[in-house]
Amino acid sequence: MRLIIVRHGESEWNRIHRYQGQLDAALSELGMRQAAALAERLKSEQIDQIYSSRLQRAGRTAEAIAVFHPNTPFAYSEALLEINHGEWEGKYADEITSKYADGLREWREHPTRSQMPGGESFSNVLKRTLDFREQITASHMDQTVLISTHDVVVKILVADALGMNMDRINRIWVTNASISVIEYGSDLPYLVSLSEACHLGTLASTREGQKAL
């Protein structure tokens, strides 16, 4: 199976540095333009199935791609949701930095033992992500599947393919509306591309410019 993983376009809360988690922030104007550029880049790809998180920033991104693939089955999956940030959701990055400094440091440096107050454990998001990966590799063995999802889910899939320690996932930068590709065969998974964003040109989000994911 060939897995095309896209991160959603910039959301309005990405733009204003506000933590969103599973709150349903819309795409920003830039995010809509990013989604359109991503869709244009993928319009000639053979895609056999599209899955998306139901959150609108991922859903709208997937829908833009689906315009060029009208006969491709499209489904939403709860497994593709961003990690639930609990009390952090809706708060601005500066507030998280000042009020939850120790928890933020642990999340960045040791996510596997981190849990945001009132939020989802890393072990849970890891399990639902890898369970989903196992499900689709079994049901789409010789096909190309596209998923539209969120930062943490992309990082988990990439780290899993590389056999990385999951505590290192925050060393991976995944830009908005980027493409990462993993090929799953009979032996090892192969990471073919990571956070490809050439199609975005000057529309690309920068790591320095995005304080809240």
C-alpha atoms as a PDB file:
ATOM      1  CA  MET A   1       0.000   0.000   0.000  1.00  0.00           C
ATOM      2  CA  ARG A   2       1.122   3.514  -0.798  1.00  0.00           C
ATOM      3  CA  LEU A   3       0.027   5.977   1.879  1.00  0.00           C
ATOM      4  CA  ILE A   4      -0.143   9.686   1.052  1.00  0.00           C
ATOM      5  CA  ILE A   5      -0.382  11.644   4.298  1.00  0.00           C
ATOM      6  CA  VAL A   6      -1.376  15.291   4.188  1.00  0.00           C
ATOM      7  CA  ARG A   7      -1.510  17.702   7.081  1.00  0.00           C
ATOM      8  CA  HIS A   8      -4.396  20.157   6.912  1.00  0.00           C
ATOM      9  CA  GLY A   9      -3.928  23.708   5.659  1.00  0.00           C
ATOM     10  CA  GLU A  10      -3.281  26.492   8.132  1.00  0.00           C
ATOM     11  CA  SER A  11      -6.219  26.987  10.478  1.00  0.00           C
ATOM     12  CA  GLU A  12      -7.361  30.305  11.857  1.00  0.00           C
ATOM     13  CA  TRP A  13      -6.058  29.193  15.266  1.00  0.00           C
ATOM     14  CA  ASN A  14      -2.678  28.188  13.816  1.00  0.00           C
ATOM     15  CA  ARG A  15      -2.522  31.745  12.518  1.00  0.00           C
ATOM     16  CA  ILE A  16      -3.186  33.369  15.901  1.00  0.00           C
ATOM     17  CA  HIS A  17      -1.102  30.850  17.926  1.00  0.00           C
ATOM     18  CA  ARG A  18      -4.057  29.267  19.748  1.00  0.00           C
ATOM     19  CA  TYR A  19      -4.044  25.598  20.757  1.00  0.00           C
ATOM     20  CA  GLN A  20      -6.905  23.740  19.095  1.00  0.00           C
ATOM     21  CA  GLY A  21      -6.528  19.982  19.636  1.00  0.00           C
ATOM     22  CA  GLN A  22      -9.985  18.568  18.913  1.00  0.00           C
ATOM     23  CA  LEU A  23     -11.745  21.939  18.857  1.00  0.00           C
ATOM     24  CA  ASP A  24     -13.020  22.635  15.377  1.00  0.00           C
ATOM     25  CA  ALA A  25     -11.083  25.641  14.102  1.00  0.00           C
ATOM     26  CA  ALA A  26     -11.711  26.594  10.469  1.00  0.00           C
ATOM     27  CA  LEU A  27      -9.079  27.032   7.785  1.00  0.00           C
ATOM     28  CA  SER A  28      -7.652  30.522   7.534  1.00  0.00           C
ATOM     29  CA  GLU A  29      -7.639  32.377   4.215  1.00  0.00           C
ATOM     30  CA  LEU A  30      -4.046  31.221   3.749  1.00  0.00           C
ATOM     31  CA  GLY A  31      -5.067  27.687   4.701  1.00  0.00           C
ATOM     32  CA  MET A  32      -7.712  27.638   1.979  1.00  0.00           C
ATOM     33  CA  ARG A  33      -5.138  28.758  -0.563  1.00  0.00           C
ATOM     34  CA  GLN A  34      -2.728  26.089   0.708  1.00  0.00           C
ATOM     35  CA  ALA A  35      -5.435  23.418   0.356  1.00  0.00           C
ATOM     36  CA  ALA A  36      -6.111  24.549  -3.221  1.00  0.00           C
ATOM     37  CA  ALA A  37      -2.393  24.365  -4.079  1.00  0.00           C
ATOM     38  CA  LEU A  38      -2.162  20.917  -2.462  1.00  0.00           C
ATOM     39  CA  ALA A  39      -5.176  19.709  -4.446  1.00  0.00           C
ATOM     40  CA  GLU A  40      -3.620  20.986  -7.663  1.00  0.00           C
ATOM     41  CA  ARG A  41      -0.391  19.120  -6.837  1.00  0.00           C
ATOM     42  CA  LEU A  42      -2.294  15.846  -6.267  1.00  0.00           C
ATOM     43  CA  LYS A  43      -4.835  16.084  -9.060  1.00  0.00           C
ATOM     44  CA  SER A  44      -2.998  13.642 -11.343  1.00  0.00           C
ATOM     45  CA  GLU A  45      -2.198  11.103  -8.623  1.00  0.00           C
ATOM     46  CA  GLN A  46      -3.955   7.743  -8.657  1.00  0.00           C
ATOM     47  CA  ILE A  47      -5.865   7.681  -5.349  1.00  0.00           C
ATOM     48  CA  ASP A  48      -8.055   4.689  -4.499  1.00  0.00           C
ATOM     49  CA  GLN A  49      -9.423   5.842  -1.136  1.00  0.00           C
ATOM     50  CA  ILE A  50      -9.521   9.091   0.864  1.00  0.00           C
ATOM     51  CA  TYR A  51      -9.852   9.150   4.652  1.00  0.00           C
ATOM     52  CA  SER A  52     -10.045  12.312   6.731  1.00  0.00           C
ATOM     53  CA  SER A  53     -10.366  13.542  10.262  1.00  0.00           C
ATOM     54  CA  ARG A  54     -13.849  14.995  10.738  1.00  0.00           C
ATOM     55  CA  LEU A  55     -12.434  18.293  12.060  1.00  0.00           C
ATOM     56  CA  GLN A  56     -13.100  20.898   9.402  1.00  0.00           C
ATOM     57  CA  ARG A  57      -9.502  22.026   8.933  1.00  0.00           C
ATOM     58  CA  ALA A  58      -8.642  18.494   7.785  1.00  0.00           C
ATOM     59  CA  GLY A  59     -12.026  17.837   6.171  1.00  0.00           C
ATOM     60  CA  ARG A  60     -11.930  20.958   3.994  1.00  0.00           C
ATOM     61  CA  THR A  61      -8.392  20.102   2.945  1.00  0.00           C
ATOM     62  CA  ALA A  62      -9.497  16.580   1.953  1.00  0.00           C
ATOM     63  CA  GLU A  63     -12.559  17.935   0.142  1.00  0.00           C
ATOM     64  CA  ALA A  64     -10.365  20.230  -1.959  1.00  0.00           C
ATOM     65  CA  ILE A  65      -8.334  17.196  -3.034  1.00  0.00           C
ATOM     66  CA  ALA A  66     -11.479  15.127  -3.660  1.00  0.00           C
ATOM     67  CA  VAL A  67     -12.757  17.669  -6.207  1.00  0.00           C
ATOM     68  CA  PHE A  68     -10.154  16.265  -8.631  1.00  0.00           C
ATOM     69  CA  HIS A  69     -11.013  12.654  -7.651  1.00  0.00           C
ATOM     70  CA  PRO A  70     -14.831  12.587  -7.768  1.00  0.00           C
ATOM     71  CA  ASN A  71     -15.055   8.798  -8.066  1.00  0.00           C
ATOM     72  CA  THR A  72     -12.719   8.030  -5.181  1.00  0.00           C
ATOM     73  CA  PRO A  73     -14.441   6.743  -2.018  1.00  0.00           C
ATOM     74  CA  PHE A  74     -14.258   9.271   0.842  1.00  0.00           C
ATOM     75  CA  ALA A  75     -14.744   8.493   4.527  1.00  0.00           C
ATOM     76  CA  TYR A  76     -14.138  10.153   7.887  1.00  0.00           C
ATOM     77  CA  SER A  77     -12.299   8.361  10.691  1.00  0.00           C
ATOM     78  CA  GLU A  78     -12.147   9.233  14.380  1.00  0.00           C
ATOM     79  CA  ALA A  79      -8.696   7.620  14.444  1.00  0.00           C
ATOM     80  CA  LEU A  80      -7.340  10.575  12.467  1.00  0.00           C
ATOM     81  CA  LEU A  81      -8.313  13.265  14.994  1.00  0.00           C
ATOM     82  CA  GLU A  82      -5.629  15.440  16.541  1.00  0.00           C
ATOM     83  CA  ILE A  83      -4.646  14.576  20.109  1.00  0.00           C
ATOM     84  CA  ASN A  84      -7.093  16.021  22.633  1.00  0.00           C
ATOM     85  CA  HIS A  85      -5.263  18.874  24.368  1.00  0.00           C
ATOM     86  CA  GLY A  86      -7.615  19.002  27.357  1.00  0.00           C
ATOM     87  CA  GLU A  87      -7.261  22.251  29.323  1.00  0.00           C
ATOM     88  CA  TRP A  88      -4.842  23.617  26.723  1.00  0.00           C
ATOM     89  CA  GLU A  89      -7.519  23.752  24.043  1.00  0.00           C
ATOM     90  CA  GLY A  90      -8.578  27.299  23.233  1.00  0.00           C
ATOM     91  CA  LYS A  91      -5.627  28.844  25.051  1.00  0.00           C
ATOM     92  CA  TYR A  92      -2.960  30.939  23.382  1.00  0.00           C
ATOM     93  CA  ALA A  93       0.639  29.733  23.145  1.00  0.00           C
ATOM     94  CA  ASP A  94       1.947  32.423  25.487  1.00  0.00           C
ATOM     95  CA  GLU A  95      -0.589  31.386  28.128  1.00  0.00           C
ATOM     96  CA  ILE A  96       0.421  27.729  27.852  1.00  0.00           C
ATOM     97  CA  THR A  97       4.081  28.713  28.136  1.00  0.00           C
ATOM     98  CA  SER A  98       3.494  30.699  31.325  1.00  0.00           C
ATOM     99  CA  LYS A  99       0.848  28.549  33.044  1.00  0.00           C
ATOM    100  CA  TYR A 100       1.874  25.035  32.013  1.00  0.00           C
ATOM    101  CA  ALA A 101       5.637  25.413  31.498  1.00  0.00           C
ATOM    102  CA  ASP A 102       6.593  22.044  33.026  1.00  0.00           C
ATOM    103  CA  GLY A 103       3.863  20.154  31.178  1.00  0.00           C
ATOM    104  CA  LEU A 104       4.767  21.817  27.889  1.00  0.00           C
ATOM    105  CA  ARG A 105       8.430  20.921  28.346  1.00  0.00           C
ATOM    106  CA  GLU A 106       7.521  17.299  29.090  1.00  0.00           C
ATOM    107  CA  TRP A 107       5.248  17.168  26.029  1.00  0.00           C
ATOM    108  CA  ARG A 108       8.015  18.453  23.783  1.00  0.00           C
ATOM    109  CA  GLU A 109      10.819  16.337  25.220  1.00  0.00           C
ATOM    110  CA  HIS A 110       9.069  13.163  26.465  1.00  0.00           C
ATOM    111  CA  PRO A 111       5.611  12.921  24.859  1.00  0.00           C
ATOM    112  CA  THR A 112       5.226   9.233  25.677  1.00  0.00           C
ATOM    113  CA  ARG A 113       4.982  10.005  29.400  1.00  0.00           C
ATOM    114  CA  SER A 114       3.072  13.256  28.953  1.00  0.00           C
ATOM    115  CA  GLN A 115      -0.618  13.901  29.376  1.00  0.00           C
ATOM    116  CA  MET A 116      -2.091  17.364  29.041  1.00  0.00           C
ATOM    117  CA  PRO A 117      -4.457  18.160  31.951  1.00  0.00           C
ATOM    118  CA  GLY A 118      -7.855  16.704  31.094  1.00  0.00           C
ATOM    119  CA  GLY A 119      -6.545  15.604  27.702  1.00  0.00           C
ATOM    120  CA  GLU A 120      -5.711  12.428  25.846  1.00  0.00           C
ATOM    121  CA  SER A 121      -2.758  10.259  26.773  1.00  0.00           C
ATOM    122  CA  PHE A 122      -0.057   9.736  24.174  1.00  0.00           C
ATOM    123  CA  SER A 123      -0.545   5.983  24.496  1.00  0.00           C
ATOM    124  CA  ASN A 124      -4.161   6.384  23.368  1.00  0.00           C
ATOM    125  CA  VAL A 125      -3.416   8.490  20.289  1.00  0.00           C
ATOM    126  CA  LEU A 126      -0.545   6.119  19.452  1.00  0.00           C
ATOM    127  CA  LYS A 127      -2.826   3.084  19.680  1.00  0.00           C
ATOM    128  CA  ARG A 128      -5.654   4.536  17.596  1.00  0.00           C
ATOM    129  CA  THR A 129      -3.200   5.750  14.941  1.00  0.00           C
ATOM    130  CA  LEU A 130      -1.368   2.442  14.618  1.00  0.00           C
ATOM    131  CA  ASP A 131      -4.616   0.433  14.774  1.00  0.00           C
ATOM    132  CA  PHE A 132      -5.862   2.524  11.846  1.00  0.00           C
ATOM    133  CA  ARG A 133      -2.618   1.959   9.947  1.00  0.00           C
ATOM    134  CA  GLU A 134      -2.932  -1.804  10.446  1.00  0.00           C
ATOM    135  CA  GLN A 135      -6.555  -1.727   9.296  1.00  0.00           C
ATOM    136  CA  ILE A 136      -5.893   0.150   6.062  1.00  0.00           C
ATOM    137  CA  THR A 137      -2.748  -1.774   5.147  1.00  0.00           C
ATOM    138  CA  ALA A 138      -4.818  -4.952   5.387  1.00  0.00           C
ATOM    139  CA  SER A 139      -7.807  -3.638   3.428  1.00  0.00           C
ATOM    140  CA  HIS A 140      -5.945  -1.615   0.749  1.00  0.00           C
ATOM    141  CA  MET A 141      -2.920  -3.836   0.138  1.00  0.00           C
ATOM    142  CA  ASP A 142      -2.149  -2.877  -3.469  1.00  0.00           C
ATOM    143  CA  GLN A 143      -3.764   0.539  -3.497  1.00  0.00           C
ATOM    144  CA  THR A 144      -2.933   4.180  -2.882  1.00  0.00           C
ATOM    145  CA  VAL A 145      -4.670   5.686   0.132  1.00  0.00           C
ATOM    146  CA  LEU A 146      -4.701   9.372   1.037  1.00  0.00           C
ATOM    147  CA  ILE A 147      -5.351  10.571   4.570  1.00  0.00           C
ATOM    148  CA  SER A 148      -5.949  14.167   5.670  1.00  0.00           C
ATOM    149  CA  THR A 149      -5.019  14.547   9.294  1.00  0.00           C
ATOM    150  CA  HIS A 150      -3.128  16.477  11.974  1.00  0.00           C
ATOM    151  CA  ASP A 151       0.371  17.124  13.263  1.00  0.00           C
ATOM    152  CA  VAL A 152       0.659  14.403  15.916  1.00  0.00           C
ATOM    153  CA  VAL A 153      -0.884  11.667  13.766  1.00  0.00           C
ATOM    154  CA  VAL A 154       1.509  12.448  10.893  1.00  0.00           C
ATOM    155  CA  LYS A 155       4.497  12.363  13.239  1.00  0.00           C
ATOM    156  CA  ILE A 156       3.455   9.024  14.748  1.00  0.00           C
ATOM    157  CA  LEU A 157       3.093   7.397  11.318  1.00  0.00           C
ATOM    158  CA  VAL A 158       6.474   8.725  10.188  1.00  0.00           C
ATOM    159  CA  ALA A 159       8.228   7.701  13.406  1.00  0.00           C
ATOM    160  CA  ASP A 160       6.637   4.246  13.245  1.00  0.00           C
ATOM    161  CA  ALA A 161       7.811   3.752   9.654  1.00  0.00           C
ATOM    162  CA  LEU A 162      11.361   4.726  10.620  1.00  0.00           C
ATOM    163  CA  GLY A 163      11.387   2.680  13.830  1.00  0.00           C
ATOM    164  CA  MET A 164      12.050   5.867  15.808  1.00  0.00           C
ATOM    165  CA  ASN A 165      11.720   6.290  19.530  1.00  0.00           C
ATOM    166  CA  MET A 166       8.343   8.003  19.929  1.00  0.00           C
ATOM    167  CA  ASP A 167       9.883  10.450  22.396  1.00  0.00           C
ATOM    168  CA  ARG A 168      11.647  11.990  19.376  1.00  0.00           C
ATOM    169  CA  ILE A 169       8.534  12.851  17.350  1.00  0.00           C
ATOM    170  CA  ASN A 170       8.666  16.552  18.167  1.00  0.00           C
ATOM    171  CA  ARG A 171      11.970  16.759  16.330  1.00  0.00           C
ATOM    172  CA  ILE A 172       9.967  16.260  13.132  1.00  0.00           C
ATOM    173  CA  TRP A 173       8.505  19.362  11.493  1.00  0.00           C
ATOM    174  CA  VAL A 174       5.385  18.814   9.373  1.00  0.00           C
ATOM    175  CA  THR A 175       4.239  21.956   7.622  1.00  0.00           C
ATOM    176  CA  ASN A 176       0.620  22.772   6.793  1.00  0.00           C
ATOM    177  CA  ALA A 177      -0.733  21.290   3.546  1.00  0.00           C
ATOM    178  CA  SER A 178       2.408  19.201   3.093  1.00  0.00           C
ATOM    179  CA  ILE A 179       2.712  15.691   1.690  1.00  0.00           C
ATOM    180  CA  SER A 180       4.474  12.748   3.315  1.00  0.00           C
ATOM    181  CA  VAL A 181       4.504   9.344   1.629  1.00  0.00           C
ATOM    182  CA  ILE A 182       5.073   5.908   3.155  1.00  0.00           C
ATOM    183  CA  GLU A 183       5.109   2.678   1.154  1.00  0.00           C
ATOM    184  CA  TYR A 184       4.123  -0.525   2.941  1.00  0.00           C
ATOM    185  CA  GLY A 185       5.085  -3.823   1.327  1.00  0.00           C
ATOM    186  CA  SER A 186       5.838  -7.357   2.364  1.00  0.00           C
ATOM    187  CA  ASP A 187       8.986  -6.390   4.250  1.00  0.00           C
ATOM    188  CA  LEU A 188       9.851  -2.993   5.721  1.00  0.00           C
ATOM    189  CA  PRO A 189       7.896   0.248   5.397  1.00  0.00           C
ATOM    190  CA  TYR A 190       9.740   2.926   3.431  1.00  0.00           C
ATOM    191  CA  LEU A 191       9.458   6.665   4.035  1.00  0.00           C
ATOM    192  CA  VAL A 192       9.493   8.077   0.504  1.00  0.00           C
ATOM    193  CA  SER A 193       8.974  11.753   1.315  1.00  0.00           C
ATOM    194  CA  LEU A 194       8.506  13.902   4.404  1.00  0.00           C
ATOM    195  CA  SER A 195       6.659  17.227   4.630  1.00  0.00           C
ATOM    196  CA  GLU A 196       7.000  17.918   0.904  1.00  0.00           C
ATOM    197  CA  ALA A 197       5.792  21.471   0.304  1.00  0.00           C
ATOM    198  CA  CYS A 198       7.310  22.633  -3.001  1.00  0.00           C
ATOM    199  CA  HIS A 199       3.781  23.054  -4.374  1.00  0.00           C
ATOM    200  CA  LEU A 200       3.126  25.782  -1.799  1.00  0.00           C
ATOM    201  CA  GLY A 201       5.880  28.173  -2.812  1.00  0.00           C
ATOM    202  CA  THR A 202       5.448  31.410  -0.865  1.00  0.00           C
ATOM    203  CA  LEU A 203       2.274  30.010   0.770  1.00  0.00           C
ATOM    204  CA  ALA A 204       4.294  27.637   2.969  1.00  0.00           C
ATOM    205  CA  SER A 205       3.986  27.968   6.754  1.00  0.00           C
ATOM    206  CA  THR A 206       7.241  28.246   8.696  1.00  0.00           C
ATOM    207  CA  ARG A 207       8.149  26.470  11.912  1.00  0.00           C
ATOM    208  CA  GLU A 208       9.086  29.748  13.552  1.00  0.00           C
ATOM    209  CA  GLY A 209       5.745  31.261  12.592  1.00  0.00           C
ATOM    210  CA  GLN A 210       3.588  28.569  14.177  1.00  0.00           C
ATOM    211  CA  LYS A 211       3.658  28.436  17.975  1.00  0.00           C
ATOM    212  CA  ALA A 212       0.483  26.413  18.565  1.00  0.00           C
ATOM    213  CA  LEU A 213      -0.437  23.228  16.705  1.00  0.00           C
END
